[in-house]
Every structure is written in structure tokens, then in C-alpha cells.
């Protein structure tokens, strides 16, 4: 069985470098496509510990797992929040650690423009919420309105409740699978911050190429001392 880790922020391929610049681990659709291609139909074990991220990248990963020809077992070993909880629903079997958690909520975005722009974004959010409800409903069999209320309340779901409500099939390490008779979010960084960081990273890359042979020791020392401050300045809009 091949391991497919989903550990870190769910990001588009284009935005991953920004999160990595700030020290975040990322998972992109291309990462998963590559892992599944390497697995070549063998059973895969998808380990999830992720705070979520970009809902459309999460959708792409969910779709890739659902389309995979081999068996997909999902193990929620830590947190499956937001977009990561959607991905978790792609498993043929979904297991959760006794200490694991899911978190589900409504999609969010940042909008600007005139009233038509805002109305369009609102409609897009409602459509995204409905799509997410459908994914959770297919897995759990719950009433869609109940799922929608859980999302509106930003609901955290522990291992016992996840199995009881149908988000997971069993608790890992349990002697017997639990049997009870009775599942996005925008990026962690705004698009404005991502665009700013990409521009600054490109400038830094060009500057480093021009000055590589000069003041190497001094430059490296200054970078180490100021790196953390510069990153915080970017986040708080001081650059």
C-alpha cells in the first residue's frame, strides 16, 4: 500500500511557493496527481493532518482520489479541517485517530467592486456551500439542512461523533469498528498578500543573482538577522 500524505496547507500549484516562503508545508493537486500516478493502481493510504486551504484545490484533489482506479483508504491522523475535510470524504474507507478531529464550515472569500461584483461573489459562495453539503451528504446520509447548520456553526467533530454521524467509518486502533444505527475555505493568505510576496520574491531572486559574487558573507548575515522581521512586515503591510 502506497502512502499519500496530505500534511499542511491545501494550496494551488501557483500559490504554494508563497506558503513555503513563510515556512508552511503545502499540498497541491499536482503533488497528489504525481503520487497517484506513481501508485499505478495499487491501494493507497491517504494520511491527513491539514488545516485546509483553497477550496478549489481541495475539490481537485477530492476528484483525483475519487477517480483513482485502486482502493483509497483515508486515515485522519490529526486534523481534517475545511478543504481537508472534503478531501477526506473521497476515501473508500475513512478512519480517524481517537484523537483526530474534523472541522466543517461555510466557504468564505474576500470581495471588492460594485454591487454586481458583490452579488456575483455571494452567489458563488452559496453555490460552493451547496456543493460541499452534497459531498458530506453523500458520505454521511445526513439531512442536508442539518449539515448546512453544522457548517454555519463551524462545527468541530471528534472521532466518536465522526463515526456516529457517518463522516468516518471507524476509529483507528479500536478492536471492533464502531457501528452505529441510527462532511471551503479561502486561502490562509489573501490574494493581495500572495501577489505582494511573489513580486518581492522575484525582486529578491534577481537581486541575489546580481550581487552573488559581492559581499556574500555580509549579505548572508544580514539576511539571517532580518529574515523574520521582513516576513512579518510583508504580512502586516509594512513593505
Protein backbone atom coordinates (compact mmCIF):
# COMPACT_ATOMS: atom_id res chain seq x y z
CA UNK A 1 0.00 0.00 0.00
CA UNK A 2 1.42 3.37 -1.04
CA UNK A 3 1.33 6.29 1.40
CA UNK A 4 -0.08 9.59 0.13
CA UNK A 5 0.44 12.28 2.78
CA UNK A 6 -1.79 15.34 2.96
CA UNK A 7 0.07 17.32 5.60
CA UNK A 8 -0.11 21.12 5.55
CA UNK A 9 -1.99 23.85 3.71
CA UNK A 10 -4.11 22.85 0.71
CA UNK A 11 -2.84 25.21 -1.97
CA UNK A 12 -2.98 25.77 -5.70
CA UNK A 13 0.22 24.97 -7.56
CA UNK A 14 0.72 28.68 -8.30
CA UNK A 15 0.42 29.83 -4.68
CA UNK A 16 2.37 27.08 -2.93
CA UNK A 17 5.69 28.94 -3.09
CA UNK A 18 4.26 31.80 -1.02
CA UNK A 19 3.25 29.49 1.85
CA UNK A 20 6.60 27.70 1.61
CA UNK A 21 8.38 31.07 1.80
CA UNK A 22 6.82 31.54 5.24
CA UNK A 23 7.73 28.02 6.35
CA UNK A 24 4.36 26.33 5.77
CA UNK A 25 4.11 22.79 4.44
CA UNK A 26 1.83 22.57 1.42
CA UNK A 27 -0.10 20.01 -0.60
CA UNK A 28 -1.10 20.79 -4.17
CA UNK A 29 -3.19 18.99 -6.81
CA UNK A 30 0.00 18.23 -8.74
CA UNK A 31 1.53 16.59 -5.63
CA UNK A 32 -1.44 14.22 -5.42
CA UNK A 33 -1.61 13.57 -9.16
CA UNK A 34 2.07 12.58 -9.09
CA UNK A 35 1.62 10.29 -6.08
CA UNK A 36 -1.37 8.54 -7.65
CA UNK A 37 0.40 8.13 -10.97
CA UNK A 38 3.35 6.53 -9.14
CA UNK A 39 0.95 4.22 -7.25
CA UNK A 40 -0.27 2.92 -10.63
CA UNK A 41 -3.47 1.31 -9.36
CA UNK A 42 -2.02 -0.07 -6.11
CA UNK A 43 -4.06 0.53 -2.92
CA UNK A 44 -3.20 3.90 -1.38
CA UNK A 45 -3.34 5.14 2.20
CA UNK A 46 -4.08 8.87 2.41
CA UNK A 47 -2.91 10.33 5.74
CA UNK A 48 -4.49 13.67 6.55
CA UNK A 49 -3.38 16.31 9.02
CA UNK A 50 -4.28 19.65 7.47
CA UNK A 51 -5.95 22.94 8.44
CA UNK A 52 -7.47 23.19 4.95
CA UNK A 53 -6.91 25.98 2.47
CA UNK A 54 -8.08 26.65 -1.07
CA UNK A 55 -11.47 25.02 -1.69
CA UNK A 56 -10.96 24.58 -5.43
CA UNK A 57 -7.60 22.87 -4.97
CA UNK A 58 -9.31 20.68 -2.37
CA UNK A 59 -12.00 19.88 -4.93
CA UNK A 60 -9.37 18.92 -7.49
CA UNK A 61 -7.65 16.59 -5.01
CA UNK A 62 -11.01 15.08 -3.96
CA UNK A 63 -11.82 14.39 -7.61
CA UNK A 64 -8.42 12.82 -8.30
CA UNK A 65 -8.86 10.42 -5.37
CA UNK A 66 -12.41 9.52 -6.39
CA UNK A 67 -11.23 8.83 -9.95
CA UNK A 68 -8.30 6.67 -8.82
CA UNK A 69 -8.56 3.09 -10.07
CA UNK A 70 -7.25 1.46 -6.88
CA UNK A 71 -8.62 1.34 -3.33
CA UNK A 72 -8.32 4.57 -1.33
CA UNK A 73 -8.13 4.39 2.46
CA UNK A 74 -8.19 7.73 4.27
CA UNK A 75 -6.68 7.99 7.76
CA UNK A 76 -7.37 11.24 9.62
CA UNK A 77 -4.34 11.16 11.90
CA UNK A 78 -4.66 14.72 13.21
CA UNK A 79 -6.91 17.44 11.83
CA UNK A 80 -9.02 17.39 8.68
CA UNK A 81 -10.40 20.91 8.61
CA UNK A 82 -12.21 22.90 5.95
CA UNK A 83 -10.99 21.85 2.47
CA UNK A 84 -9.14 18.89 4.02
CA UNK A 85 -12.43 17.53 5.38
CA UNK A 86 -13.78 17.50 1.83
CA UNK A 87 -10.75 15.52 0.67
CA UNK A 88 -11.31 13.03 3.49
CA UNK A 89 -14.73 12.16 2.06
CA UNK A 90 -13.05 10.69 -1.07
CA UNK A 91 -11.92 7.55 0.74
CA UNK A 92 -13.42 4.14 0.05
CA UNK A 93 -12.80 3.67 3.77
CA UNK A 94 -12.38 6.59 6.17
CA UNK A 95 -10.67 6.01 9.51
CA UNK A 96 -9.95 8.56 12.21
CA UNK A 97 -7.46 8.55 15.07
CA UNK A 98 -9.02 8.51 18.56
CA UNK A 99 -7.51 11.98 18.99
CA UNK A 100 -8.36 13.17 15.48
CA UNK A 101 -10.79 15.94 14.57
CA UNK A 102 -12.75 17.16 11.59
CA UNK A 103 -13.88 20.76 11.23
CA UNK A 104 -16.51 21.87 8.73
CA UNK A 105 -17.70 25.38 7.92
CA UNK A 106 -19.10 27.54 5.15
CA UNK A 107 -16.91 28.82 2.34
CA UNK A 108 -15.50 32.34 2.60
CA UNK A 109 -13.81 34.84 0.33
CA UNK A 110 -12.62 38.45 0.11
CA UNK A 111 -14.65 40.58 -2.30
CA UNK A 112 -14.42 44.06 -3.76
CA UNK A 113 -16.04 46.05 -6.53
CA UNK A 114 -19.52 47.31 -7.25
CA UNK A 115 -22.84 45.80 -6.18
CA UNK A 116 -22.90 43.47 -9.18
CA UNK A 117 -19.45 42.13 -8.25
CA UNK A 118 -20.50 41.56 -4.66
CA UNK A 119 -23.74 39.86 -5.74
CA UNK A 120 -21.80 37.54 -8.04
CA UNK A 121 -19.38 36.61 -5.27
CA UNK A 122 -22.29 35.95 -2.91
CA UNK A 123 -23.89 33.64 -5.45
CA UNK A 124 -20.56 31.87 -5.90
CA UNK A 125 -20.25 31.30 -2.15
CA UNK A 126 -23.78 29.90 -1.93
CA UNK A 127 -23.07 27.55 -4.84
CA UNK A 128 -19.82 26.39 -3.22
CA UNK A 129 -21.59 25.75 0.09
CA UNK A 130 -24.21 23.63 -1.68
CA UNK A 131 -21.53 21.60 -3.46
CA UNK A 132 -19.79 20.94 -0.13
CA UNK A 133 -23.07 19.94 1.52
CA UNK A 134 -23.63 17.44 -1.28
CA UNK A 135 -20.23 15.82 -0.66
CA UNK A 136 -20.87 15.46 3.08
CA UNK A 137 -24.43 14.23 2.48
CA UNK A 138 -23.28 11.52 0.08
CA UNK A 139 -20.86 10.17 2.69
CA UNK A 140 -22.99 10.52 5.82
CA UNK A 141 -26.57 10.17 4.61
CA UNK A 142 -27.49 13.07 6.89
CA UNK A 143 -30.22 15.59 6.15
CA UNK A 144 -28.67 18.38 4.03
CA UNK A 145 -30.24 21.07 6.24
CA UNK A 146 -28.59 19.54 9.31
CA UNK A 147 -25.24 19.56 7.54
CA UNK A 148 -25.75 23.17 6.47
CA UNK A 149 -26.46 24.19 10.08
CA UNK A 150 -23.28 22.41 11.21
CA UNK A 151 -21.28 24.30 8.59
CA UNK A 152 -22.88 27.62 9.59
CA UNK A 153 -21.83 26.98 13.20
CA UNK A 154 -18.25 25.97 12.24
CA UNK A 155 -18.56 22.55 13.84
CA UNK A 156 -15.68 20.53 15.27
CA UNK A 157 -16.22 16.76 15.18
CA UNK A 158 -14.27 14.32 17.36
CA UNK A 159 -13.61 10.70 16.48
CA UNK A 160 -16.64 9.26 18.26
CA UNK A 161 -19.04 11.77 16.71
CA UNK A 162 -17.41 11.40 13.29
CA UNK A 163 -18.25 7.69 13.26
CA UNK A 164 -21.68 8.23 14.80
CA UNK A 165 -22.62 10.85 12.21
CA UNK A 166 -21.08 8.97 9.29
CA UNK A 167 -18.14 11.21 8.44
CA UNK A 168 -15.82 8.31 9.26
CA UNK A 169 -16.30 4.55 9.13
CA UNK A 170 -14.22 3.54 12.13
CA UNK A 171 -11.85 4.73 14.82
CA UNK A 172 -8.25 3.66 14.28
CA UNK A 173 -6.81 1.11 16.72
CA UNK A 174 -10.27 0.13 18.00
CA UNK A 175 -10.70 -3.63 18.45
CA UNK A 176 -14.04 -3.51 16.67
CA UNK A 177 -15.16 -0.90 14.14
CA UNK A 178 -17.76 1.32 15.75
CA UNK A 179 -21.21 0.51 14.37
CA UNK A 180 -23.99 2.97 14.98
CA UNK A 181 -27.52 2.51 13.60
CA UNK A 182 -29.08 5.41 13.54
CA UNK A 183 -18.81 16.06 5.69
CA UNK A 184 -14.42 25.74 1.97
CA UNK A 185 -12.47 27.89 2.73
CA UNK A 186 -10.38 30.53 1.07
CA UNK A 187 -6.61 30.60 1.25
CA UNK A 188 -4.96 31.34 4.60
CA UNK A 189 -3.32 34.35 2.95
CA UNK A 190 -5.33 36.89 0.99
CA UNK A 191 -4.65 37.16 -2.74
CA UNK A 192 -3.19 40.62 -2.12
CA UNK A 193 -0.57 39.22 0.26
CA UNK A 194 0.21 36.33 -2.11
CA UNK A 195 0.71 38.72 -5.05
CA UNK A 196 2.91 41.04 -2.96
CA UNK A 197 5.09 38.17 -1.76
CA UNK A 198 5.51 36.79 -5.27
CA UNK A 199 6.66 40.21 -6.51
CA UNK A 200 9.12 40.63 -3.64
CA UNK A 201 10.44 37.07 -4.07
CA UNK A 202 11.12 37.76 -7.75
CA UNK A 203 12.91 41.01 -6.93
CA UNK A 204 14.98 39.24 -4.28
CA UNK A 205 15.88 36.48 -6.72
CA UNK A 206 17.06 38.98 -9.35
CA UNK A 207 18.99 40.96 -6.76
CA UNK A 208 20.69 37.85 -5.45
CA UNK A 209 21.86 36.91 -8.95
CA UNK A 210 23.40 40.37 -9.49
CA UNK A 211 25.16 40.51 -6.15
CA UNK A 212 26.09 36.88 -5.67
CA UNK A 213 29.82 37.45 -6.05
CA UNK A 214 29.98 40.57 -3.87
CA UNK A 215 29.56 40.96 -0.14
CA UNK A 216 28.48 37.34 0.16
CA UNK A 217 29.31 36.96 3.86
CA UNK A 218 27.81 40.32 4.83
CA UNK A 219 24.71 39.73 2.79
CA UNK A 220 24.07 36.29 4.27
CA UNK A 221 24.48 37.64 7.80
CA UNK A 222 22.06 40.48 7.18
CA UNK A 223 19.53 38.10 5.63
CA UNK A 224 19.58 35.77 8.64
CA UNK A 225 19.13 38.64 11.08
CA UNK A 226 16.35 40.38 9.16
CA UNK A 227 14.51 37.47 7.53
CA UNK A 228 11.87 37.02 10.21
CA UNK A 229 11.23 40.77 10.52
CA UNK A 230 10.88 41.16 6.74
CA UNK A 231 8.34 38.36 6.52
CA UNK A 232 6.28 39.88 9.33
CA UNK A 233 6.47 43.30 7.65
CA UNK A 234 5.02 41.76 4.48
CA UNK A 235 2.14 40.17 6.36
CA UNK A 236 1.26 43.37 8.20
CA UNK A 237 1.57 45.59 5.13
CA UNK A 238 4.67 47.49 6.18
CA UNK A 239 6.54 46.74 2.94
